[in-house]
Amino acid sequence: MTPMPKLTSTNHDAVRFGAILRRLRVARGWTLIIAAQRCGMNPNYLGSLEKGGNMPSVGSLLEIADVYGTSAADIIREVEDARHAARKQRAEAEAATEAQPTSTASD
C-alpha cells in the first residue's frame, strides 16, 4: 500500500482518527512497531496517522481495522461522533457568546 502524502494543514478529522487508532493500539498493549508490522505498514506512516498528519486510503483503513479486530465502519462512526460533538460544543459556545449583553459606553 502506498502512503498518502502528508497533510499540509491541520485536518481535525485526521487528528480524531489518529487518536482513535492510538487508543486501539495502546489498548492492545502494542508498540507502534508491532502494530505497523501486523498491518504491513511502515511505523513512520502509522505514527503519522496517529498524530493526525495523514489520512489513510480505504485499503489501509480496512487493513488497520482488521488487524485491530474492529470494523472500518466502527472507526469512521467514532470519528463522525467526535466531529458532531465538537460541532455541538462550538455552536453552544457561540450561542453563549451571543447571549451575553454587550457593554455600552456608559458602563
C-alpha atoms as a PDB file:
ATOM      1  CA  MET A   1       0.000   0.000   0.000  1.00  0.00           C
ATOM      2  CA  THR A   2       1.338   3.394  -0.966  1.00  0.00           C
ATOM      3  CA  PRO A   3       1.156   6.019   1.807  1.00  0.00           C
ATOM      4  CA  MET A   4      -0.837   9.143   1.106  1.00  0.00           C
ATOM      5  CA  PRO A   5       1.064  12.451   1.007  1.00  0.00           C
ATOM      6  CA  LYS A   6       1.350  14.219   4.346  1.00  0.00           C
ATOM      7  CA  LEU A   7      -1.344  16.809   5.045  1.00  0.00           C
ATOM      8  CA  THR A   8      -0.177  20.400   4.842  1.00  0.00           C
ATOM      9  CA  SER A   9      -2.751  21.842   7.250  1.00  0.00           C
ATOM     10  CA  THR A  10      -4.469  20.523  10.345  1.00  0.00           C
ATOM     11  CA  ASN A  11      -7.367  18.275   9.490  1.00  0.00           C
ATOM     12  CA  HIS A  12      -9.411  17.832  12.646  1.00  0.00           C
ATOM     13  CA  ASP A  13     -10.917  14.576  11.378  1.00  0.00           C
ATOM     14  CA  ALA A  14      -7.394  13.230  10.798  1.00  0.00           C
ATOM     15  CA  VAL A  15      -6.491  14.190  14.377  1.00  0.00           C
ATOM     16  CA  ARG A  16      -9.638  12.469  15.682  1.00  0.00           C
ATOM     17  CA  PHE A  17      -8.909   9.403  13.559  1.00  0.00           C
ATOM     18  CA  GLY A  18      -5.344   9.279  14.824  1.00  0.00           C
ATOM     19  CA  ALA A  19      -6.428   9.475  18.453  1.00  0.00           C
ATOM     20  CA  ILE A  20      -8.777   6.537  17.890  1.00  0.00           C
ATOM     21  CA  LEU A  21      -6.020   4.473  16.254  1.00  0.00           C
ATOM     22  CA  ARG A  22      -3.640   5.215  19.094  1.00  0.00           C
ATOM     23  CA  ARG A  23      -6.269   4.285  21.703  1.00  0.00           C
ATOM     24  CA  LEU A  24      -6.969   0.992  19.927  1.00  0.00           C
ATOM     25  CA  ARG A  25      -3.254   0.188  19.661  1.00  0.00           C
ATOM     26  CA  VAL A  26      -2.450   1.073  23.276  1.00  0.00           C
ATOM     27  CA  ALA A  27      -5.467  -0.926  24.499  1.00  0.00           C
ATOM     28  CA  ARG A  28      -3.876  -3.977  22.903  1.00  0.00           C
ATOM     29  CA  GLY A  29      -0.523  -3.291  24.533  1.00  0.00           C
ATOM     30  CA  TRP A  30       1.210  -2.936  21.174  1.00  0.00           C
ATOM     31  CA  THR A  31       4.100  -0.665  20.369  1.00  0.00           C
ATOM     32  CA  LEU A  32       3.911   1.354  17.190  1.00  0.00           C
ATOM     33  CA  ILE A  33       6.444  -1.013  15.612  1.00  0.00           C
ATOM     34  CA  ILE A  34       4.420  -4.130  16.476  1.00  0.00           C
ATOM     35  CA  ALA A  35       1.176  -2.581  15.173  1.00  0.00           C
ATOM     36  CA  ALA A  36       2.878  -1.443  11.968  1.00  0.00           C
ATOM     37  CA  GLN A  37       4.334  -4.909  11.383  1.00  0.00           C
ATOM     38  CA  ARG A  38       0.935  -6.527  11.885  1.00  0.00           C
ATOM     39  CA  CYS A  39      -0.667  -4.022   9.497  1.00  0.00           C
ATOM     40  CA  GLY A  40       2.123  -4.400   6.928  1.00  0.00           C
ATOM     41  CA  MET A  41       2.927  -0.687   7.164  1.00  0.00           C
ATOM     42  CA  ASN A  42       5.928   1.472   7.849  1.00  0.00           C
ATOM     43  CA  PRO A  43       5.989   2.540  11.531  1.00  0.00           C
ATOM     44  CA  ASN A  44       6.600   6.149  10.455  1.00  0.00           C
ATOM     45  CA  TYR A  45       3.434   6.093   8.364  1.00  0.00           C
ATOM     46  CA  LEU A  46       1.347   4.578  11.155  1.00  0.00           C
ATOM     47  CA  GLY A  47       2.823   7.118  13.570  1.00  0.00           C
ATOM     48  CA  SER A  48       1.883   9.904  11.181  1.00  0.00           C
ATOM     49  CA  LEU A  49      -1.677   8.571  11.070  1.00  0.00           C
ATOM     50  CA  GLU A  50      -1.822   8.521  14.869  1.00  0.00           C
ATOM     51  CA  LYS A  51      -0.606  12.121  15.039  1.00  0.00           C
ATOM     52  CA  GLY A  52      -3.252  13.269  12.559  1.00  0.00           C
ATOM     53  CA  GLY A  53      -0.658  14.113   9.931  1.00  0.00           C
ATOM     54  CA  ASN A  54      -2.186  11.835   7.317  1.00  0.00           C
ATOM     55  CA  MET A  55      -5.464  10.251   6.275  1.00  0.00           C
ATOM     56  CA  PRO A  56      -5.276   6.619   5.189  1.00  0.00           C
ATOM     57  CA  SER A  57      -6.512   5.151   1.950  1.00  0.00           C
ATOM     58  CA  VAL A  58      -9.593   2.954   2.165  1.00  0.00           C
ATOM     59  CA  GLY A  59      -7.371  -0.106   1.776  1.00  0.00           C
ATOM     60  CA  SER A  60      -5.166   0.971   4.671  1.00  0.00           C
ATOM     61  CA  LEU A  61      -8.213   1.711   6.815  1.00  0.00           C
ATOM     62  CA  LEU A  62      -9.657  -1.726   6.122  1.00  0.00           C
ATOM     63  CA  GLU A  63      -6.317  -3.418   6.940  1.00  0.00           C
ATOM     64  CA  ILE A  64      -5.886  -1.475  10.179  1.00  0.00           C
ATOM     65  CA  ALA A  65      -9.444  -2.242  11.269  1.00  0.00           C
ATOM     66  CA  ASP A  66      -8.979  -5.942  10.521  1.00  0.00           C
ATOM     67  CA  VAL A  67      -5.695  -6.137  12.455  1.00  0.00           C
ATOM     68  CA  TYR A  68      -7.186  -4.200  15.390  1.00  0.00           C
ATOM     69  CA  GLY A  69     -10.208  -6.514  15.482  1.00  0.00           C
ATOM     70  CA  THR A  70     -12.812  -3.888  14.674  1.00  0.00           C
ATOM     71  CA  SER A  71     -14.590  -2.664  11.577  1.00  0.00           C
ATOM     72  CA  ALA A  72     -13.716   0.322   9.432  1.00  0.00           C
ATOM     73  CA  ALA A  73     -17.339   1.417   9.886  1.00  0.00           C
ATOM     74  CA  ASP A  74     -16.922   1.499  13.676  1.00  0.00           C
ATOM     75  CA  ILE A  75     -13.770   3.607  13.389  1.00  0.00           C
ATOM     76  CA  ILE A  76     -15.425   6.024  10.952  1.00  0.00           C
ATOM     77  CA  ARG A  77     -18.539   6.175  13.141  1.00  0.00           C
ATOM     78  CA  GLU A  78     -16.396   7.136  16.123  1.00  0.00           C
ATOM     79  CA  VAL A  79     -14.697   9.886  14.092  1.00  0.00           C
ATOM     80  CA  GLU A  80     -18.111  11.095  12.970  1.00  0.00           C
ATOM     81  CA  ASP A  81     -19.468  11.088  16.539  1.00  0.00           C
ATOM     82  CA  ALA A  82     -16.470  13.105  17.734  1.00  0.00           C
ATOM     83  CA  ARG A  83     -16.966  15.537  14.853  1.00  0.00           C
ATOM     84  CA  HIS A  84     -20.638  16.048  15.755  1.00  0.00           C
ATOM     85  CA  ALA A  85     -19.768  16.527  19.427  1.00  0.00           C
ATOM     86  CA  ALA A  86     -17.163  19.165  18.517  1.00  0.00           C
ATOM     87  CA  ARG A  87     -19.665  20.992  16.293  1.00  0.00           C
ATOM     88  CA  LYS A  88     -22.283  20.941  19.032  1.00  0.00           C
ATOM     89  CA  GLN A  89     -19.784  22.256  21.570  1.00  0.00           C
ATOM     90  CA  ARG A  90     -18.700  25.005  19.182  1.00  0.00           C
ATOM     91  CA  ALA A  91     -22.316  26.001  18.481  1.00  0.00           C
ATOM     92  CA  GLU A  92     -23.107  26.121  22.213  1.00  0.00           C
ATOM     93  CA  ALA A  93     -20.043  28.299  22.853  1.00  0.00           C
ATOM     94  CA  GLU A  94     -21.066  30.664  20.048  1.00  0.00           C
ATOM     95  CA  ALA A  95     -24.634  30.845  21.361  1.00  0.00           C
ATOM     96  CA  ALA A  96     -23.369  31.624  24.869  1.00  0.00           C
ATOM     97  CA  THR A  97     -21.158  34.394  23.495  1.00  0.00           C
ATOM     98  CA  GLU A  98     -24.039  35.876  21.509  1.00  0.00           C
ATOM     99  CA  ALA A  99     -26.340  35.746  24.536  1.00  0.00           C
ATOM    100  CA  GLN A 100     -24.038  37.881  26.674  1.00  0.00           C
ATOM    101  CA  PRO A 101     -25.140  41.509  26.897  1.00  0.00           C
ATOM    102  CA  THR A 102     -22.951  43.970  25.066  1.00  0.00           C
ATOM    103  CA  SER A 103     -21.457  46.788  27.076  1.00  0.00           C
ATOM    104  CA  THR A 104     -22.248  50.381  26.287  1.00  0.00           C
ATOM    105  CA  ALA A 105     -20.120  53.480  26.627  1.00  0.00           C
ATOM    106  CA  SER A 106     -21.966  54.424  29.842  1.00  0.00           C
ATOM    107  CA  ASP A 107     -20.896  51.200  31.637  1.00  0.00           C
END
